[in-house]
Amino acid sequence: MACMPMTNTPQAARLDDAPAISRTLARAFGNDPMMGWFFPGGPSREPDLARYFTTIFTRQYGRHGVCERTASAAAFWVPPERQEKAVPDAETIAELEEILGDRAPVFRDAVEAAAQHGPQEPHWYLAVVGADPAARGQGHGAALLRSGLARADAAGLPVYLESSKPDNLPVYEHFGFTVLGEAALPGGGPLVWAMRRAPRPVDA
């Protein structure tokens, strides 16, 4: 009997899922301004994005975060107790710099700037969420957002994220996020908006 295809119901992401997750996220972030700044174009852009997401998933968030997927989307979250371990180690940084090539210094400057302005309060961090554009409107991204936000609410903690895509701000606001501020990436890069969502009471 054939297996039922995965729908938009979130499931825990396994390291074995890396190829599918990375392809999905490479397509999801194909027109993202920040990813476009790090990976400026050419025929290698989507493969390079896939390698980037494979690296951060298998070496970083898949080991130290809470990662979920659907058939056409994925999300990487980090609860407060895992945030120190979720920072990339030297080997991961070297791998990312090899993928980024001459854009590695731009990426490094952006990561350092973000670290200096990170929230001080205990929080859940939404590092990555993306859905394949071919599945737009099918609820994949929304299902993953609801799943992660429910975990943060159960812990009574706020959630933070950064977005460089203006079209996504109303989507996040629909889920209770508010914009804290905006800043341009170092070196003349695109604007990035920091957002926070306060915890909501869990129904008894």
C-alpha atoms as a PDB file:
ATOM      1  CA  MET A   1       0.000   0.000   0.000  1.00  0.00           C
ATOM      2  CA  ALA A   2       1.426   3.386  -1.003  1.00  0.00           C
ATOM      3  CA  CYS A   3       2.276   5.948   1.646  1.00  0.00           C
ATOM      4  CA  MET A   4       0.000   8.955   1.898  1.00  0.00           C
ATOM      5  CA  PRO A   5       1.713  12.146   0.691  1.00  0.00           C
ATOM      6  CA  MET A   6       2.615  14.704   3.318  1.00  0.00           C
ATOM      7  CA  THR A   7       0.141  17.590   3.450  1.00  0.00           C
ATOM      8  CA  ASN A   8       0.441  20.936   5.190  1.00  0.00           C
ATOM      9  CA  THR A   9       0.422  19.272   8.607  1.00  0.00           C
ATOM     10  CA  PRO A  10       3.715  20.082  10.388  1.00  0.00           C
ATOM     11  CA  GLN A  11       6.020  17.173  11.127  1.00  0.00           C
ATOM     12  CA  ALA A  12       9.365  17.076  12.880  1.00  0.00           C
ATOM     13  CA  ALA A  13      12.173  17.562  10.377  1.00  0.00           C
ATOM     14  CA  ARG A  14      14.916  14.922  10.421  1.00  0.00           C
ATOM     15  CA  LEU A  15      18.462  15.400   9.203  1.00  0.00           C
ATOM     16  CA  ASP A  16      17.641  12.881   6.453  1.00  0.00           C
ATOM     17  CA  ASP A  17      15.109  15.410   5.146  1.00  0.00           C
ATOM     18  CA  ALA A  18      17.885  17.896   4.319  1.00  0.00           C
ATOM     19  CA  PRO A  19      17.783  17.508   0.501  1.00  0.00           C
ATOM     20  CA  ALA A  20      14.026  18.111   0.261  1.00  0.00           C
ATOM     21  CA  ILE A  21      14.032  20.906   2.846  1.00  0.00           C
ATOM     22  CA  SER A  22      16.946  22.670   1.178  1.00  0.00           C
ATOM     23  CA  ARG A  23      15.334  22.555  -2.266  1.00  0.00           C
ATOM     24  CA  THR A  24      12.093  23.921  -0.808  1.00  0.00           C
ATOM     25  CA  LEU A  25      13.830  26.785   1.004  1.00  0.00           C
ATOM     26  CA  ALA A  26      16.019  27.629  -2.005  1.00  0.00           C
ATOM     27  CA  ARG A  27      12.844  28.153  -4.031  1.00  0.00           C
ATOM     28  CA  ALA A  28      11.118  29.976  -1.168  1.00  0.00           C
ATOM     29  CA  PHE A  29      13.956  32.485  -0.815  1.00  0.00           C
ATOM     30  CA  GLY A  30      14.626  32.872  -4.524  1.00  0.00           C
ATOM     31  CA  ASN A  31      13.391  36.485  -4.521  1.00  0.00           C
ATOM     32  CA  ASP A  32      14.183  37.385  -0.920  1.00  0.00           C
ATOM     33  CA  PRO A  33      16.132  40.697  -0.790  1.00  0.00           C
ATOM     34  CA  MET A  34      18.550  39.566   1.930  1.00  0.00           C
ATOM     35  CA  MET A  35      19.332  36.263   0.223  1.00  0.00           C
ATOM     36  CA  GLY A  36      19.685  38.190  -3.030  1.00  0.00           C
ATOM     37  CA  TRP A  37      22.256  40.413  -1.322  1.00  0.00           C
ATOM     38  CA  PHE A  38      24.281  37.418  -0.164  1.00  0.00           C
ATOM     39  CA  PHE A  39      23.788  35.453  -3.405  1.00  0.00           C
ATOM     40  CA  PRO A  40      23.586  38.118  -6.107  1.00  0.00           C
ATOM     41  CA  GLY A  41      22.546  35.966  -9.047  1.00  0.00           C
ATOM     42  CA  GLY A  42      23.615  33.855 -11.927  1.00  0.00           C
ATOM     43  CA  PRO A  43      22.803  30.239 -12.735  1.00  0.00           C
ATOM     44  CA  SER A  44      24.355  28.970  -9.497  1.00  0.00           C
ATOM     45  CA  ARG A  45      22.065  30.977  -7.236  1.00  0.00           C
ATOM     46  CA  GLU A  46      19.454  28.318  -6.475  1.00  0.00           C
ATOM     47  CA  PRO A  47      22.039  25.529  -6.028  1.00  0.00           C
ATOM     48  CA  ASP A  48      24.086  27.824  -3.780  1.00  0.00           C
ATOM     49  CA  LEU A  49      21.004  28.655  -1.722  1.00  0.00           C
ATOM     50  CA  ALA A  50      20.265  24.936  -1.403  1.00  0.00           C
ATOM     51  CA  ARG A  51      23.820  24.305  -0.177  1.00  0.00           C
ATOM     52  CA  TYR A  52      23.462  27.199   2.287  1.00  0.00           C
ATOM     53  CA  PHE A  53      20.229  25.827   3.757  1.00  0.00           C
ATOM     54  CA  THR A  54      21.638  22.304   3.853  1.00  0.00           C
ATOM     55  CA  THR A  55      24.568  23.562   5.911  1.00  0.00           C
ATOM     56  CA  ILE A  56      22.612  25.599   8.446  1.00  0.00           C
ATOM     57  CA  PHE A  57      20.018  22.828   8.828  1.00  0.00           C
ATOM     58  CA  THR A  58      22.349  19.831   9.169  1.00  0.00           C
ATOM     59  CA  ARG A  59      25.049  21.553  11.220  1.00  0.00           C
ATOM     60  CA  GLN A  60      23.113  24.138  13.202  1.00  0.00           C
ATOM     61  CA  TYR A  61      19.332  24.277  13.488  1.00  0.00           C
ATOM     62  CA  GLY A  62      18.617  20.599  12.830  1.00  0.00           C
ATOM     63  CA  ARG A  63      20.855  19.695  15.780  1.00  0.00           C
ATOM     64  CA  HIS A  64      20.130  22.504  18.228  1.00  0.00           C
ATOM     65  CA  GLY A  65      16.794  23.989  17.168  1.00  0.00           C
ATOM     66  CA  VAL A  66      13.195  22.887  16.711  1.00  0.00           C
ATOM     67  CA  CYS A  67      12.718  22.211  13.006  1.00  0.00           C
ATOM     68  CA  GLU A  68       9.468  21.264  11.312  1.00  0.00           C
ATOM     69  CA  ARG A  69       8.391  20.735   7.733  1.00  0.00           C
ATOM     70  CA  THR A  70       5.365  20.107   5.565  1.00  0.00           C
ATOM     71  CA  ALA A  71       5.293  18.813   2.012  1.00  0.00           C
ATOM     72  CA  SER A  72       6.193  22.279   0.688  1.00  0.00           C
ATOM     73  CA  ALA A  73       7.599  24.364   3.548  1.00  0.00           C
ATOM     74  CA  ALA A  74      10.022  24.324   6.463  1.00  0.00           C
ATOM     75  CA  ALA A  75      10.675  26.345   9.615  1.00  0.00           C
ATOM     76  CA  PHE A  76      13.652  26.512  11.968  1.00  0.00           C
ATOM     77  CA  TRP A  77      13.030  27.761  15.521  1.00  0.00           C
ATOM     78  CA  VAL A  78      15.388  28.156  18.465  1.00  0.00           C
ATOM     79  CA  PRO A  79      14.107  28.147  22.068  1.00  0.00           C
ATOM     80  CA  PRO A  80      16.086  30.170  24.625  1.00  0.00           C
ATOM     81  CA  GLU A  81      17.794  27.197  26.257  1.00  0.00           C
ATOM     82  CA  ARG A  82      19.368  26.171  22.938  1.00  0.00           C
ATOM     83  CA  GLN A  83      20.445  29.546  21.581  1.00  0.00           C
ATOM     84  CA  GLU A  84      24.055  29.343  22.753  1.00  0.00           C
ATOM     85  CA  LYS A  85      24.509  25.977  21.032  1.00  0.00           C
ATOM     86  CA  ALA A  86      22.709  27.082  17.851  1.00  0.00           C
ATOM     87  CA  VAL A  87      25.482  29.564  17.030  1.00  0.00           C
ATOM     88  CA  PRO A  88      27.557  28.199  14.110  1.00  0.00           C
ATOM     89  CA  ASP A  89      30.922  26.732  15.040  1.00  0.00           C
ATOM     90  CA  ALA A  90      34.176  27.436  13.187  1.00  0.00           C
ATOM     91  CA  GLU A  91      33.723  24.512  10.799  1.00  0.00           C
ATOM     92  CA  THR A  92      30.199  25.616   9.906  1.00  0.00           C
ATOM     93  CA  ILE A  93      31.381  29.187   9.329  1.00  0.00           C
ATOM     94  CA  ALA A  94      34.146  27.931   7.045  1.00  0.00           C
ATOM     95  CA  GLU A  95      31.629  25.875   5.067  1.00  0.00           C
ATOM     96  CA  LEU A  96      29.287  28.851   4.705  1.00  0.00           C
ATOM     97  CA  GLU A  97      32.122  31.119   3.603  1.00  0.00           C
ATOM     98  CA  GLU A  98      33.111  28.590   0.937  1.00  0.00           C
ATOM     99  CA  ILE A  99      29.535  28.613  -0.390  1.00  0.00           C
ATOM    100  CA  LEU A 100      29.305  32.427  -0.279  1.00  0.00           C
ATOM    101  CA  GLY A 101      32.649  33.000  -1.995  1.00  0.00           C
ATOM    102  CA  ASP A 102      33.463  36.693  -2.347  1.00  0.00           C
ATOM    103  CA  ARG A 103      30.192  37.580  -0.578  1.00  0.00           C
ATOM    104  CA  ALA A 104      31.440  35.982   2.650  1.00  0.00           C
ATOM    105  CA  PRO A 105      32.627  39.308   4.183  1.00  0.00           C
ATOM    106  CA  VAL A 106      29.192  40.866   3.535  1.00  0.00           C
ATOM    107  CA  PHE A 107      27.512  37.907   5.223  1.00  0.00           C
ATOM    108  CA  ARG A 108      29.897  38.037   8.178  1.00  0.00           C
ATOM    109  CA  ASP A 109      29.265  41.768   8.692  1.00  0.00           C
ATOM    110  CA  ALA A 110      25.501  41.182   8.659  1.00  0.00           C
ATOM    111  CA  VAL A 111      25.717  38.357  11.210  1.00  0.00           C
ATOM    112  CA  GLU A 112      27.901  40.466  13.521  1.00  0.00           C
ATOM    113  CA  ALA A 113      25.529  43.445  13.255  1.00  0.00           C
ATOM    114  CA  ALA A 114      22.528  41.247  14.057  1.00  0.00           C
ATOM    115  CA  ALA A 115      24.291  39.764  17.086  1.00  0.00           C
ATOM    116  CA  GLN A 116      24.917  43.244  18.509  1.00  0.00           C
ATOM    117  CA  HIS A 117      21.239  44.164  18.335  1.00  0.00           C
ATOM    118  CA  GLY A 118      19.674  40.886  19.389  1.00  0.00           C
ATOM    119  CA  PRO A 119      16.960  40.837  22.070  1.00  0.00           C
ATOM    120  CA  GLN A 120      18.126  40.523  25.662  1.00  0.00           C
ATOM    121  CA  GLU A 121      14.993  38.929  27.121  1.00  0.00           C
ATOM    122  CA  PRO A 122      14.421  35.156  26.989  1.00  0.00           C
ATOM    123  CA  HIS A 123      12.631  34.386  23.734  1.00  0.00           C
ATOM    124  CA  TRP A 124      11.984  31.943  20.938  1.00  0.00           C
ATOM    125  CA  TYR A 125      13.725  32.871  17.708  1.00  0.00           C
ATOM    126  CA  LEU A 126      12.227  32.136  14.304  1.00  0.00           C
ATOM    127  CA  ALA A 127      15.391  31.744  12.231  1.00  0.00           C
ATOM    128  CA  VAL A 128      13.852  30.549   8.960  1.00  0.00           C
ATOM    129  CA  VAL A 129      10.385  29.936   7.565  1.00  0.00           C
ATOM    130  CA  GLY A 130       9.635  29.495   3.896  1.00  0.00           C
ATOM    131  CA  ALA A 131       7.229  27.794   1.528  1.00  0.00           C
ATOM    132  CA  ASP A 132       7.712  26.765  -2.074  1.00  0.00           C
ATOM    133  CA  PRO A 133       6.040  29.449  -4.253  1.00  0.00           C
ATOM    134  CA  ALA A 134       4.347  26.650  -6.207  1.00  0.00           C
ATOM    135  CA  ALA A 135       2.348  25.825  -3.059  1.00  0.00           C
ATOM    136  CA  ARG A 136       1.349  29.405  -2.237  1.00  0.00           C
ATOM    137  CA  GLY A 137      -2.106  29.685  -0.725  1.00  0.00           C
ATOM    138  CA  GLN A 138      -2.191  26.099   0.529  1.00  0.00           C
ATOM    139  CA  GLY A 139      -1.487  26.982   4.154  1.00  0.00           C
ATOM    140  CA  HIS A 140       1.948  25.395   4.516  1.00  0.00           C
ATOM    141  CA  GLY A 141       3.744  28.427   5.974  1.00  0.00           C
ATOM    142  CA  ALA A 142       0.787  29.356   8.172  1.00  0.00           C
ATOM    143  CA  ALA A 143       0.633  25.843   9.634  1.00  0.00           C
ATOM    144  CA  LEU A 144       4.317  25.972  10.558  1.00  0.00           C
ATOM    145  CA  LEU A 145       3.944  29.426  12.092  1.00  0.00           C
ATOM    146  CA  ARG A 146       0.982  28.334  14.219  1.00  0.00           C
ATOM    147  CA  SER A 147       2.862  25.249  15.405  1.00  0.00           C
ATOM    148  CA  GLY A 148       5.947  27.156  16.552  1.00  0.00           C
ATOM    149  CA  LEU A 149       3.989  30.026  18.061  1.00  0.00           C
ATOM    150  CA  ALA A 150       1.949  27.549  20.107  1.00  0.00           C
ATOM    151  CA  ARG A 151       5.181  26.207  21.617  1.00  0.00           C
ATOM    152  CA  ALA A 152       6.335  29.711  22.533  1.00  0.00           C
ATOM    153  CA  ASP A 153       2.935  30.553  24.010  1.00  0.00           C
ATOM    154  CA  ALA A 154       3.010  27.365  26.078  1.00  0.00           C
ATOM    155  CA  ALA A 155       6.347  28.528  27.495  1.00  0.00           C
ATOM    156  CA  GLY A 156       4.994  32.052  28.075  1.00  0.00           C
ATOM    157  CA  LEU A 157       7.729  33.578  25.907  1.00  0.00           C
ATOM    158  CA  PRO A 158       7.854  36.142  23.102  1.00  0.00           C
ATOM    159  CA  VAL A 159       9.079  35.348  19.590  1.00  0.00           C
ATOM    160  CA  TYR A 160      11.537  37.367  17.511  1.00  0.00           C
ATOM    161  CA  LEU A 161      12.335  37.299  13.824  1.00  0.00           C
ATOM    162  CA  GLU A 162      13.929  39.417  11.106  1.00  0.00           C
ATOM    163  CA  SER A 163      12.416  39.882   7.652  1.00  0.00           C
ATOM    164  CA  SER A 164      13.867  41.601   4.610  1.00  0.00           C
ATOM    165  CA  LYS A 165      10.760  41.183   2.467  1.00  0.00           C
ATOM    166  CA  PRO A 166       8.213  44.017   2.884  1.00  0.00           C
ATOM    167  CA  ASP A 167       5.400  41.829   1.510  1.00  0.00           C
ATOM    168  CA  ASN A 168       5.847  39.463   4.459  1.00  0.00           C
ATOM    169  CA  LEU A 169       5.354  42.097   7.166  1.00  0.00           C
ATOM    170  CA  PRO A 170       1.517  42.057   7.000  1.00  0.00           C
ATOM    171  CA  VAL A 171       1.597  38.256   7.147  1.00  0.00           C
ATOM    172  CA  TYR A 172       3.626  38.308  10.341  1.00  0.00           C
ATOM    173  CA  GLU A 173       1.460  41.099  11.755  1.00  0.00           C
ATOM    174  CA  HIS A 174      -1.573  38.875  11.148  1.00  0.00           C
ATOM    175  CA  PHE A 175       0.056  36.355  13.490  1.00  0.00           C
ATOM    176  CA  GLY A 176       0.603  38.985  16.186  1.00  0.00           C
ATOM    177  CA  PHE A 177       4.082  40.327  15.396  1.00  0.00           C
ATOM    178  CA  THR A 178       4.855  44.024  15.583  1.00  0.00           C
ATOM    179  CA  VAL A 179       7.756  45.851  13.961  1.00  0.00           C
ATOM    180  CA  LEU A 180      10.410  46.960  16.457  1.00  0.00           C
ATOM    181  CA  GLY A 181      12.580  48.804  13.951  1.00  0.00           C
ATOM    182  CA  GLU A 182      14.347  48.644  10.624  1.00  0.00           C
ATOM    183  CA  ALA A 183      17.984  48.789   9.605  1.00  0.00           C
ATOM    184  CA  ALA A 184      19.937  48.418   6.374  1.00  0.00           C
ATOM    185  CA  LEU A 185      22.386  45.557   6.105  1.00  0.00           C
ATOM    186  CA  PRO A 186      26.002  46.775   6.344  1.00  0.00           C
ATOM    187  CA  GLY A 187      27.636  47.846   3.101  1.00  0.00           C
ATOM    188  CA  GLY A 188      24.513  49.237   1.477  1.00  0.00           C
ATOM    189  CA  GLY A 189      22.367  46.128   1.681  1.00  0.00           C
ATOM    190  CA  PRO A 190      18.562  45.907   1.826  1.00  0.00           C
ATOM    191  CA  LEU A 191      16.424  46.891   4.776  1.00  0.00           C
ATOM    192  CA  VAL A 192      15.710  44.308   7.455  1.00  0.00           C
ATOM    193  CA  TRP A 193      12.810  44.619   9.877  1.00  0.00           C
ATOM    194  CA  ALA A 194      13.057  43.254  13.415  1.00  0.00           C
ATOM    195  CA  MET A 195       9.735  41.958  14.736  1.00  0.00           C
ATOM    196  CA  ARG A 196       8.455  40.740  18.088  1.00  0.00           C
ATOM    197  CA  ARG A 197       5.346  38.826  19.104  1.00  0.00           C
ATOM    198  CA  ALA A 198       4.255  38.899  22.729  1.00  0.00           C
ATOM    199  CA  PRO A 199       3.169  35.589  24.273  1.00  0.00           C
ATOM    200  CA  ARG A 200      -0.513  34.867  24.265  1.00  0.00           C
ATOM    201  CA  PRO A 201      -2.362  33.032  27.046  1.00  0.00           C
ATOM    202  CA  VAL A 202      -2.914  29.361  26.407  1.00  0.00           C
ATOM    203  CA  ASP A 203      -6.536  28.261  26.668  1.00  0.00           C
ATOM    204  CA  ALA A 204      -7.165  26.072  29.663  1.00  0.00           C
END
